[in-house]
PDB file of N, CA and C in Angstrom:
ATOM      1  N   MET A   1     -33.210 185.361  67.531  1.00  0.00           N
ATOM      2  CA  MET A   1     -32.511 184.225  66.948  1.00  0.00           C
ATOM      3  C   MET A   1     -32.518 183.082  67.955  1.00  0.00           C
ATOM      4  N   PRO A   2     -32.858 181.869  67.505  1.00  0.00           N
ATOM      5  CA  PRO A   2     -32.861 180.725  68.422  1.00  0.00           C
ATOM      6  C   PRO A   2     -31.446 180.316  68.807  1.00  0.00           C
ATOM      7  N   SER A   3     -31.381 179.408  69.775  1.00  0.00           N
ATOM      8  CA  SER A   3     -30.077 178.927  70.226  1.00  0.00           C
ATOM      9  C   SER A   3     -29.364 178.182  69.096  1.00  0.00           C
ATOM     10  N   THR A   4     -28.102 177.856  69.314  1.00  0.00           N
ATOM     11  CA  THR A   4     -27.287 177.222  68.283  1.00  0.00           C
ATOM     12  C   THR A   4     -27.891 175.916  67.791  1.00  0.00           C
ATOM     13  N   TYR A   5     -28.399 175.084  68.682  1.00  0.00           N
ATOM     14  CA  TYR A   5     -29.038 173.827  68.316  1.00  0.00           C
ATOM     15  C   TYR A   5     -30.491 173.881  68.755  1.00  0.00           C
ATOM     16  N   CYS A   6     -31.412 173.602  67.811  1.00  0.00           N
ATOM     17  CA  CYS A   6     -32.843 173.799  68.050  1.00  0.00           C
ATOM     18  C   CYS A   6     -33.623 172.499  67.919  1.00  0.00           C
ATOM     19  N   SER A   7     -34.701 172.421  68.674  1.00  0.00           N
ATOM     20  CA  SER A   7     -35.634 171.303  68.559  1.00  0.00           C
ATOM     21  C   SER A   7     -36.493 171.508  67.313  1.00  0.00           C
ATOM     22  N   VAL A   8     -37.209 170.482  66.921  1.00  0.00           N
ATOM     23  CA  VAL A   8     -38.091 170.578  65.764  1.00  0.00           C
ATOM     24  C   VAL A   8     -39.171 171.630  66.006  1.00  0.00           C
ATOM     25  N   GLU A   9     -39.630 171.752  67.232  1.00  0.00           N
ATOM     26  CA  GLU A   9     -40.650 172.750  67.551  1.00  0.00           C
ATOM     27  C   GLU A   9     -40.117 174.171  67.360  1.00  0.00           C
ATOM     28  N   THR A  10     -38.872 174.393  67.782  1.00  0.00           N
ATOM     29  CA  THR A  10     -38.266 175.714  67.624  1.00  0.00           C
ATOM     30  C   THR A  10     -38.043 176.033  66.149  1.00  0.00           C
ATOM     31  N   VAL A  11     -37.576 175.049  65.385  1.00  0.00           N
ATOM     32  CA  VAL A  11     -37.371 175.251  63.949  1.00  0.00           C
ATOM     33  C   VAL A  11     -38.707 175.613  63.291  1.00  0.00           C
ATOM     34  N   ALA A  12     -39.753 174.878  63.623  1.00  0.00           N
ATOM     35  CA  ALA A  12     -41.071 175.147  63.047  1.00  0.00           C
ATOM     36  C   ALA A  12     -41.555 176.547  63.406  1.00  0.00           C
ATOM     37  N   THR A  13     -41.371 176.945  64.649  1.00  0.00           N
ATOM     38  CA  THR A  13     -41.787 178.276  65.082  1.00  0.00           C
ATOM     39  C   THR A  13     -41.022 179.357  64.334  1.00  0.00           C
ATOM     40  N   GLU A  14     -39.714 179.196  64.236  1.00  0.00           N
ATOM     41  CA  GLU A  14     -38.885 180.197  63.574  1.00  0.00           C
ATOM     42  C   GLU A  14     -39.184 180.295  62.080  1.00  0.00           C
ATOM     43  N   LEU A  15     -39.537 179.177  61.454  1.00  0.00           N
ATOM     44  CA  LEU A  15     -39.841 179.181  60.025  1.00  0.00           C
ATOM     45  C   LEU A  15     -41.324 179.423  59.762  1.00  0.00           C
ATOM     46  N   ASP A  16     -42.100 179.587  60.831  1.00  0.00           N
ATOM     47  CA  ASP A  16     -43.542 179.844  60.746  1.00  0.00           C
ATOM     48  C   ASP A  16     -44.251 178.753  59.951  1.00  0.00           C
ATOM     49  N   CYS A  17     -43.982 177.498  60.353  1.00  0.00           N
ATOM     50  CA  CYS A  17     -44.629 176.359  59.722  1.00  0.00           C
ATOM     51  C   CYS A  17     -44.897 175.305  60.794  1.00  0.00           C
ATOM     52  N   SER A  18     -45.468 174.198  60.385  1.00  0.00           N
ATOM     53  CA  SER A  18     -45.773 173.142  61.336  1.00  0.00           C
ATOM     54  C   SER A  18     -44.578 172.192  61.501  1.00  0.00           C
ATOM     55  N   VAL A  19     -44.622 171.399  62.548  1.00  0.00           N
ATOM     56  CA  VAL A  19     -43.593 170.387  62.792  1.00  0.00           C
ATOM     57  C   VAL A  19     -43.584 169.376  61.642  1.00  0.00           C
ATOM     58  N   SER A  20     -44.757 169.003  61.162  1.00  0.00           N
ATOM     59  CA  SER A  20     -44.809 168.041  60.055  1.00  0.00           C
ATOM     60  C   SER A  20     -44.190 168.626  58.781  1.00  0.00           C
ATOM     61  N   THR A  21     -44.314 169.934  58.588  1.00  0.00           N
ATOM     62  CA  THR A  21     -43.680 170.573  57.431  1.00  0.00           C
ATOM     63  C   THR A  21     -42.168 170.523  57.555  1.00  0.00           C
ATOM     64  N   VAL A  22     -41.639 170.768  58.748  1.00  0.00           N
ATOM     65  CA  VAL A  22     -40.190 170.671  58.962  1.00  0.00           C
ATOM     66  C   VAL A  22     -39.721 169.266  58.613  1.00  0.00           C
ATOM     67  N   ARG A  23     -40.412 168.259  59.109  1.00  0.00           N
ATOM     68  CA  ARG A  23     -40.023 166.872  58.834  1.00  0.00           C
ATOM     69  C   ARG A  23     -40.110 166.555  57.339  1.00  0.00           C
ATOM     70  N   ASP A  24     -41.139 167.063  56.672  1.00  0.00           N
ATOM     71  CA  ASP A  24     -41.283 166.861  55.233  1.00  0.00           C
ATOM     72  C   ASP A  24     -40.134 167.535  54.486  1.00  0.00           C
ATOM     73  N   TYR A  25     -39.784 168.755  54.874  1.00  0.00           N
ATOM     74  CA  TYR A  25     -38.676 169.464  54.222  1.00  0.00           C
ATOM     75  C   TYR A  25     -37.354 168.728  54.402  1.00  0.00           C
ATOM     76  N   VAL A  26     -37.166 168.102  55.559  1.00  0.00           N
ATOM     77  CA  VAL A  26     -35.945 167.323  55.783  1.00  0.00           C
ATOM     78  C   VAL A  26     -35.937 166.119  54.842  1.00  0.00           C
ATOM     79  N   LYS A  27     -37.057 165.427  54.721  1.00  0.00           N
ATOM     80  CA  LYS A  27     -37.140 164.271  53.826  1.00  0.00           C
ATOM     81  C   LYS A  27     -36.875 164.662  52.377  1.00  0.00           C
ATOM     82  N   ARG A  28     -37.340 165.841  51.978  1.00  0.00           N
ATOM     83  CA  ARG A  28     -37.180 166.314  50.604  1.00  0.00           C
ATOM     84  C   ARG A  28     -35.838 166.984  50.362  1.00  0.00           C
ATOM     85  N   GLY A  29     -35.035 167.133  51.407  1.00  0.00           N
ATOM     86  CA  GLY A  29     -33.712 167.726  51.250  1.00  0.00           C
ATOM     87  C   GLY A  29     -33.716 169.251  51.247  1.00  0.00           C
ATOM     88  N   LEU A  30     -34.843 169.845  51.627  1.00  0.00           N
ATOM     89  CA  LEU A  30     -34.939 171.304  51.672  1.00  0.00           C
ATOM     90  C   LEU A  30     -34.373 171.876  52.964  1.00  0.00           C
ATOM     91  N   LEU A  31     -34.279 171.046  53.980  1.00  0.00           N
ATOM     92  CA  LEU A  31     -33.648 171.403  55.253  1.00  0.00           C
ATOM     93  C   LEU A  31     -32.637 170.316  55.592  1.00  0.00           C
ATOM     94  N   PRO A  32     -31.613 170.665  56.363  1.00  0.00           N
ATOM     95  CA  PRO A  32     -30.586 169.670  56.700  1.00  0.00           C
ATOM     96  C   PRO A  32     -31.112 168.597  57.653  1.00  0.00           C
ATOM     97  N   GLN A  33     -30.417 167.469  57.668  1.00  0.00           N
ATOM     98  CA  GLN A  33     -30.720 166.407  58.619  1.00  0.00           C
ATOM     99  C   GLN A  33     -30.368 166.893  60.024  1.00  0.00           C
ATOM    100  N   PRO A  34     -31.113 166.468  61.023  1.00  0.00           N
ATOM    101  CA  PRO A  34     -30.783 166.866  62.395  1.00  0.00           C
ATOM    102  C   PRO A  34     -29.598 166.077  62.941  1.00  0.00           C
ATOM    103  N   CYS A  35     -29.035 166.599  64.012  1.00  0.00           N
ATOM    104  CA  CYS A  35     -27.984 165.902  64.759  1.00  0.00           C
ATOM    105  C   CYS A  35     -28.673 165.117  65.872  1.00  0.00           C
ATOM    106  N   ARG A  36     -28.164 163.965  66.167  1.00  0.00           N
ATOM    107  CA  ARG A  36     -28.728 163.166  67.251  1.00  0.00           C
ATOM    108  C   ARG A  36     -27.662 162.992  68.324  1.00  0.00           C
ATOM    109  N   THR A  37     -27.957 163.493  69.508  1.00  0.00           N
ATOM    110  CA  THR A  37     -27.034 163.394  70.640  1.00  0.00           C
ATOM    111  C   THR A  37     -27.788 162.805  71.814  1.00  0.00           C
ATOM    112  N   GLY A  38     -27.389 161.606  72.201  1.00  0.00           N
ATOM    113  CA  GLY A  38     -28.139 160.944  73.265  1.00  0.00           C
ATOM    114  C   GLY A  38     -29.566 160.738  72.813  1.00  0.00           C
ATOM    115  N   GLY A  39     -30.517 161.180  73.600  1.00  0.00           N
ATOM    116  CA  GLY A  39     -31.923 161.073  73.235  1.00  0.00           C
ATOM    117  C   GLY A  39     -32.462 162.316  72.557  1.00  0.00           C
ATOM    118  N   LEU A  40     -31.604 163.288  72.256  1.00  0.00           N
ATOM    119  CA  LEU A  40     -32.054 164.551  71.690  1.00  0.00           C
ATOM    120  C   LEU A  40     -31.864 164.598  70.176  1.00  0.00           C
ATOM    121  N   VAL A  41     -32.813 165.210  69.508  1.00  0.00           N
ATOM    122  CA  VAL A  41     -32.720 165.452  68.069  1.00  0.00           C
ATOM    123  C   VAL A  41     -32.717 166.958  67.904  1.00  0.00           C
ATOM    124  N   ARG A  42     -31.643 167.490  67.335  1.00  0.00           N
ATOM    125  CA  ARG A  42     -31.507 168.944  67.217  1.00  0.00           C
ATOM    126  C   ARG A  42     -30.965 169.325  65.844  1.00  0.00           C
ATOM    127  N   TRP A  43     -31.350 170.507  65.400  1.00  0.00           N
ATOM    128  CA  TRP A  43     -30.847 171.080  64.162  1.00  0.00           C
ATOM    129  C   TRP A  43     -29.904 172.213  64.501  1.00  0.00           C
ATOM    130  N   LYS A  44     -28.813 172.319  63.760  1.00  0.00           N
ATOM    131  CA  LYS A  44     -27.902 173.439  63.926  1.00  0.00           C
ATOM    132  C   LYS A  44     -28.522 174.628  63.183  1.00  0.00           C
ATOM    133  N   TRP A  45     -28.806 175.688  63.912  1.00  0.00           N
ATOM    134  CA  TRP A  45     -29.526 176.816  63.336  1.00  0.00           C
ATOM    135  C   TRP A  45     -28.792 177.425  62.146  1.00  0.00           C
ATOM    136  N   ASP A  46     -27.477 177.535  62.216  1.00  0.00           N
ATOM    137  CA  ASP A  46     -26.706 178.101  61.108  1.00  0.00           C
ATOM    138  C   ASP A  46     -26.903 177.305  59.818  1.00  0.00           C
ATOM    139  N   ALA A  47     -27.014 175.987  59.933  1.00  0.00           N
ATOM    140  CA  ALA A  47     -27.216 175.139  58.756  1.00  0.00           C
ATOM    141  C   ALA A  47     -28.595 175.382  58.153  1.00  0.00           C
ATOM    142  N   ILE A  48     -29.580 175.598  58.995  1.00  0.00           N
ATOM    143  CA  ILE A  48     -30.928 175.892  58.507  1.00  0.00           C
ATOM    144  C   ILE A  48     -30.929 177.231  57.771  1.00  0.00           C
ATOM    145  N   VAL A  49     -30.337 178.237  58.372  1.00  0.00           N
ATOM    146  CA  VAL A  49     -30.277 179.556  57.740  1.00  0.00           C
ATOM    147  C   VAL A  49     -29.561 179.462  56.399  1.00  0.00           C
ATOM    148  N   ALA A  50     -28.464 178.721  56.349  1.00  0.00           N
ATOM    149  CA  ALA A  50     -27.709 178.576  55.109  1.00  0.00           C
ATOM    150  C   ALA A  50     -28.557 177.929  54.012  1.00  0.00           C
ATOM    151  N   MET A  51     -29.316 176.895  54.351  1.00  0.00           N
ATOM    152  CA  MET A  51     -30.137 176.228  53.344  1.00  0.00           C
ATOM    153  C   MET A  51     -31.295 177.115  52.914  1.00  0.00           C
ATOM    154  N   VAL A  52     -31.904 177.791  53.860  1.00  0.00           N
ATOM    155  CA  VAL A  52     -33.019 178.674  53.521  1.00  0.00           C
ATOM    156  C   VAL A  52     -32.536 179.815  52.635  1.00  0.00           C
ATOM    157  N   ASP A  53     -31.357 180.318  52.903  1.00  0.00           N
ATOM    158  CA  ASP A  53     -30.791 181.401  52.102  1.00  0.00           C
ATOM    159  C   ASP A  53     -30.202 180.911  50.779  1.00  0.00           C
ATOM    160  N   GLY A  54     -30.223 179.593  50.563  1.00  0.00           N
ATOM    161  CA  GLY A  54     -29.735 179.046  49.308  1.00  0.00           C
ATOM    162  C   GLY A  54     -28.241 178.818  49.269  1.00  0.00           C
ATOM    163  N   ILE A  55     -27.595 178.853  50.432  1.00  0.00           N
ATOM    164  CA  ILE A  55     -26.158 178.613  50.490  1.00  0.00           C
ATOM    165  C   ILE A  55     -25.951 177.134  50.780  1.00  0.00           C
ATOM    166  N   SER A  56     -25.132 176.476  49.983  1.00  0.00           N
ATOM    167  CA  SER A  56     -24.879 175.059  50.160  1.00  0.00           C
ATOM    168  C   SER A  56     -23.414 174.779  49.882  1.00  0.00           C
ATOM    169  N   SER A  57     -22.907 173.719  50.491  1.00  0.00           N
ATOM    170  CA  SER A  57     -21.518 173.338  50.238  1.00  0.00           C
ATOM    171  C   SER A  57     -21.379 172.589  48.916  1.00  0.00           C
ATOM    172  N   GLU A  58     -22.508 172.181  48.320  1.00  0.00           N
ATOM    173  CA  GLU A  58     -22.480 171.480  47.045  1.00  0.00           C
ATOM    174  C   GLU A  58     -22.595 172.493  45.903  1.00  0.00           C
ATOM    175  N   PRO A  59     -22.053 172.165  44.737  1.00  0.00           N
ATOM    176  CA  PRO A  59     -22.172 173.080  43.602  1.00  0.00           C
ATOM    177  C   PRO A  59     -23.637 173.285  43.230  1.00  0.00           C
ATOM    178  N   GLU A  60     -23.941 174.484  42.750  1.00  0.00           N
ATOM    179  CA  GLU A  60     -25.317 174.799  42.375  1.00  0.00           C
ATOM    180  C   GLU A  60     -25.720 174.039  41.121  1.00  0.00           C
ATOM    181  N   ASP A  61     -26.925 173.529  41.135  1.00  0.00           N
ATOM    182  CA  ASP A  61     -27.481 172.827  39.999  1.00  0.00           C
ATOM    183  C   ASP A  61     -27.669 173.828  38.848  1.00  0.00           C
ATOM    184  N   PRO A  62     -27.103 173.587  37.662  1.00  0.00           N
ATOM    185  CA  PRO A  62     -27.192 174.544  36.567  1.00  0.00           C
ATOM    186  C   PRO A  62     -28.630 174.819  36.115  1.00  0.00           C
ATOM    187  N   ILE A  63     -29.485 173.822  36.196  1.00  0.00           N
ATOM    188  CA  ILE A  63     -30.880 174.017  35.799  1.00  0.00           C
ATOM    189  C   ILE A  63     -31.563 174.964  36.781  1.00  0.00           C
ATOM    190  N   MET A  64     -31.339 174.744  38.084  1.00  0.00           N
ATOM    191  CA  MET A  64     -31.934 175.629  39.092  1.00  0.00           C
ATOM    192  C   MET A  64     -31.341 177.038  38.986  1.00  0.00           C
ATOM    193  N   ALA A  65     -30.073 177.141  38.646  1.00  0.00           N
ATOM    194  CA  ALA A  65     -29.447 178.443  38.483  1.00  0.00           C
ATOM    195  C   ALA A  65     -30.122 179.198  37.340  1.00  0.00           C
ATOM    196  N   ALA A  66     -30.416 178.505  36.249  1.00  0.00           N
ATOM    197  CA  ALA A  66     -31.077 179.148  35.119  1.00  0.00           C
ATOM    198  C   ALA A  66     -32.494 179.569  35.486  1.00  0.00           C
ATOM    199  N   ILE A  67     -33.189 178.736  36.219  1.00  0.00           N
ATOM    200  CA  ILE A  67     -34.544 179.066  36.654  1.00  0.00           C
ATOM    201  C   ILE A  67     -34.534 180.286  37.560  1.00  0.00           C
ATOM    202  N   ASN A  68     -33.558 180.338  38.460  1.00  0.00           N
ATOM    203  CA  ASN A  68     -33.459 181.447  39.412  1.00  0.00           C
ATOM    204  C   ASN A  68     -32.788 182.678  38.823  1.00  0.00           C
ATOM    205  N   GLY A  69     -32.261 182.567  37.636  1.00  0.00           N
ATOM    206  CA  GLY A  69     -31.608 183.698  36.981  1.00  0.00           C
ATOM    207  C   GLY A  69     -30.259 184.048  37.571  1.00  0.00           C
ATOM    208  N   THR A  70     -29.578 183.055  38.168  1.00  0.00           N
ATOM    209  CA  THR A  70     -28.253 183.321  38.758  1.00  0.00           C
ATOM    210  C   THR A  70     -27.155 182.717  37.920  1.00  0.00           C
TER     211      THR A  70
END
């Protein structure tokens, strides 16, 4: 498991994809926005896991729920 806050390279490695894919997923809302602290851009790993696992703080879209059978 990566550290609590990860660089884009670490996120890409852990998700087995490219850095450009991580950035694309963020733009499309499939991954959370990163945190910016000073000159660093980092993602909170727990937030990534939650989104990948389909857990969100927003209510589930009924159309997607029907598609997913939930």
